[in-house]
Protein backbone atom coordinates (compact mmCIF):
# COMPACT_ATOMS: atom_id res chain seq x y z
CA UNK A 1 174.47 49.24 104.10
CA UNK A 2 174.62 51.21 100.99
CA UNK A 3 175.97 48.21 98.98
CA UNK A 4 173.81 45.80 100.58
CA UNK A 5 170.75 47.90 99.46
CA UNK A 6 171.22 46.29 96.04
CA UNK A 7 168.91 43.37 97.34
CA UNK A 8 165.74 45.22 98.13
CA UNK A 9 166.40 47.59 95.12
CA UNK A 10 166.80 45.04 92.36
CA UNK A 11 166.29 41.51 93.28
CA UNK A 12 162.87 41.00 91.68
CA UNK A 13 163.78 42.89 88.57
CA UNK A 14 167.14 41.15 88.40
CA UNK A 15 165.59 37.75 88.96
CA UNK A 16 163.00 38.35 86.25
CA UNK A 17 165.40 39.83 83.58
CA UNK A 18 168.26 37.31 84.07
CA UNK A 19 166.43 34.07 84.61
CA UNK A 20 162.68 34.85 83.62
CA UNK A 21 161.59 34.22 87.27
CA UNK A 22 157.79 34.90 87.87
CA UNK A 23 156.41 36.51 90.98
CA UNK A 24 156.05 33.12 92.68
CA UNK A 25 159.79 32.34 92.17
CA UNK A 26 160.87 35.64 93.33
CA UNK A 27 158.89 35.13 96.42
CA UNK A 28 160.19 31.72 97.11
CA UNK A 29 163.68 33.15 96.54
CA UNK A 30 163.23 35.91 99.04
CA UNK A 31 161.65 33.56 101.54
CA UNK A 32 164.64 31.31 101.28
CA UNK A 33 166.94 34.12 101.85
CA UNK A 34 165.15 35.08 104.82
CA UNK A 35 165.16 31.53 106.12
CA UNK A 36 168.77 31.25 105.58
CA UNK A 37 169.59 34.56 107.20
CA UNK A 38 167.51 33.71 110.31
CA UNK A 39 169.23 30.39 110.64
CA UNK A 40 172.59 32.08 110.62
CA UNK A 41 171.68 34.73 112.79
CA UNK A 42 169.85 32.37 115.24
CA UNK A 43 171.98 29.39 115.48
CA UNK A 44 175.48 30.28 114.10
CA UNK A 45 176.22 33.84 115.24
CA UNK A 46 176.88 32.84 119.11
CA UNK A 47 179.16 29.77 118.37
CA UNK A 48 181.07 31.70 115.72
CA UNK A 49 181.75 34.48 118.09
CA UNK A 50 182.71 31.98 120.88
CA UNK A 51 185.31 30.29 118.53
CA UNK A 52 186.64 33.31 116.47
CA UNK A 53 185.86 36.57 118.20
CA UNK A 54 183.64 39.59 117.08
CA UNK A 55 186.46 41.01 114.69
CA UNK A 56 187.04 37.65 112.78
CA UNK A 57 183.25 36.98 112.52
CA UNK A 58 182.85 40.36 111.18
CA UNK A 59 185.37 39.57 108.67
CA UNK A 60 184.01 36.28 107.73
CA UNK A 61 180.75 38.09 107.08
CA UNK A 62 182.32 40.68 105.03
CA UNK A 63 184.15 38.16 102.94
CA UNK A 64 180.96 36.05 102.44
CA UNK A 65 179.22 39.24 101.28
CA UNK A 66 181.76 39.92 98.57
CA UNK A 67 181.75 36.10 97.36
CA UNK A 68 178.01 36.02 97.26
CA UNK A 69 177.39 39.43 95.42
CA UNK A 70 179.86 38.54 92.66
CA UNK A 71 178.28 34.99 92.58
CA UNK A 72 174.80 36.31 92.16
CA UNK A 73 176.17 38.19 89.20
CA UNK A 74 177.94 35.08 87.74
CA UNK A 75 175.02 32.66 88.57
CA UNK A 76 173.51 30.63 85.67
CA UNK A 77 170.45 29.50 87.25
CA UNK A 78 168.44 29.03 90.49
CA UNK A 79 170.41 26.34 91.79
CA UNK A 80 173.55 28.50 91.94
CA UNK A 81 171.62 31.44 93.41
CA UNK A 82 170.57 29.35 96.18
CA UNK A 83 174.19 28.12 96.69
CA UNK A 84 175.37 31.66 96.86
CA UNK A 85 172.53 32.41 99.29
CA UNK A 86 174.00 29.83 101.76
CA UNK A 87 177.46 31.44 101.26
CA UNK A 88 175.87 34.79 101.79
CA UNK A 89 174.32 33.89 105.22
CA UNK A 90 177.26 35.09 107.29
CA UNK A 91 176.95 38.56 106.05
CA UNK A 92 174.12 38.90 108.55
CA UNK A 93 177.11 38.69 111.25
CA UNK A 94 178.55 41.88 110.19
CA UNK A 95 176.09 44.57 111.64
CA UNK A 96 175.67 43.15 115.06
CA UNK A 97 179.58 42.28 115.26
CA UNK A 98 180.36 45.95 114.36
CA UNK A 99 177.71 47.32 116.75
CA UNK A 100 179.38 45.15 119.49
CA UNK A 101 182.83 46.22 118.74
CA UNK A 102 181.77 49.81 118.75
CA UNK A 103 179.90 49.42 121.97
CA UNK A 104 182.86 48.12 123.71
CA UNK A 105 185.09 51.24 122.62
CA UNK A 106 182.42 53.87 123.35
CA UNK A 107 181.82 54.98 126.99
CA UNK A 108 178.73 53.81 128.78
CA UNK A 109 177.16 57.24 128.84
CA UNK A 110 177.53 57.40 124.98
CA UNK A 111 175.77 54.33 124.14
CA UNK A 112 172.33 55.83 123.17
CA UNK A 113 174.14 58.22 120.90
CA UNK A 114 176.11 55.50 119.44
CA UNK A 115 173.07 53.34 118.71
CA UNK A 116 171.06 56.45 117.45
CA UNK A 117 174.00 57.40 114.97
CA UNK A 118 174.26 53.84 113.64
CA UNK A 119 170.60 53.70 113.10
CA UNK A 120 170.65 57.00 111.27
CA UNK A 121 173.47 56.16 109.19
CA UNK A 122 172.21 52.90 108.27
CA UNK A 123 168.85 54.17 107.19
CA UNK A 124 170.28 57.09 105.15
CA UNK A 125 172.84 54.41 103.52
CA UNK A 126 169.94 51.93 102.61
CA UNK A 127 167.82 54.87 101.20
CA UNK A 128 170.61 56.27 98.98
CA UNK A 129 171.61 52.68 98.13
CA UNK A 130 168.42 51.67 97.01
CA UNK A 131 168.02 54.77 94.63
CA UNK A 132 171.66 54.11 93.38
CA UNK A 133 171.13 50.44 92.53
CA UNK A 134 167.76 50.68 91.01
CA UNK A 135 169.03 53.57 88.79
CA UNK A 136 172.14 51.63 87.94
CA UNK A 137 170.15 48.51 87.11
CA UNK A 138 167.90 50.60 84.95
CA UNK A 139 170.74 52.22 83.09
CA UNK A 140 172.35 48.98 82.14
CA UNK A 141 169.12 47.25 81.02
CA UNK A 142 168.16 50.17 78.65
CA UNK A 143 168.37 48.90 75.14
CA UNK A 144 170.72 52.03 74.29
CA UNK A 145 173.42 50.87 77.00
CA UNK A 146 176.77 50.30 75.70
CA UNK A 147 176.83 47.16 77.91
CA UNK A 148 173.50 45.71 78.56
CA UNK A 149 173.43 43.31 81.65
CA UNK A 150 171.31 42.73 84.60
CA UNK A 151 174.50 41.89 86.49
CA UNK A 152 176.52 45.11 86.51
CA UNK A 153 174.81 46.36 89.79
CA UNK A 154 176.10 43.30 91.42
CA UNK A 155 179.61 43.78 90.39
CA UNK A 156 179.49 47.48 91.43
CA UNK A 157 178.15 46.12 94.79
CA UNK A 158 180.93 43.60 94.94
CA UNK A 159 183.74 46.43 94.60
CA UNK A 160 182.10 48.78 97.18
CA UNK A 161 181.92 45.78 99.60
CA UNK A 162 185.56 44.65 98.77
CA UNK A 163 186.49 48.21 99.55
CA UNK A 164 184.79 48.05 102.92
CA UNK A 165 186.33 44.69 103.76
CA UNK A 166 189.94 46.02 102.86
CA UNK A 167 189.33 49.21 105.12
CA UNK A 168 187.97 47.21 107.95
CA UNK A 169 191.02 44.73 107.55
CA UNK A 170 193.43 47.62 107.63
CA UNK A 171 191.95 49.45 110.63
CA UNK A 172 190.33 46.63 112.44
CA UNK A 173 190.05 47.08 116.04
CA UNK A 174 192.79 45.66 118.46
CA UNK A 175 191.63 42.45 120.04
CA UNK A 176 191.90 44.22 123.47
CA UNK A 177 188.70 45.95 122.74
CA UNK A 178 186.96 42.70 121.69
């Protein structure tokens, strides 16, 4: 959630700085992202879990998140941004899959604590990530920056997401739990 906070933190500023997007284009890009996410969550999650299982679907979501965030940083225009939005869609699998996996591991009488803990950590991570990425974006957009680029925050987020992917793959739950 910390790394994914990059989107609400800088998307409009990044689109304007990198591509010269106006407010209408920024709004349409956000709407497109919302529609793509809804389609993946509404129509693809169930069949994906049935076919691959929760752990594999979470891994697919994490891989798509890393590819997409690097892609946004490398995109040369709106068309490529839309392509990477489509690649990014499976990231929406990650949170529900992780919650499902954890819910199966935690005893029934601890489900409320688990859900409350997840919600608390998620909100704190999003808050701190939003602050972090907005400040990082601003630092690398200053005229005095050694490297001036609207993309640095995306590459930092990619590194964080890749780290999470490696950790999850290293300690992923045994299939017996899933």
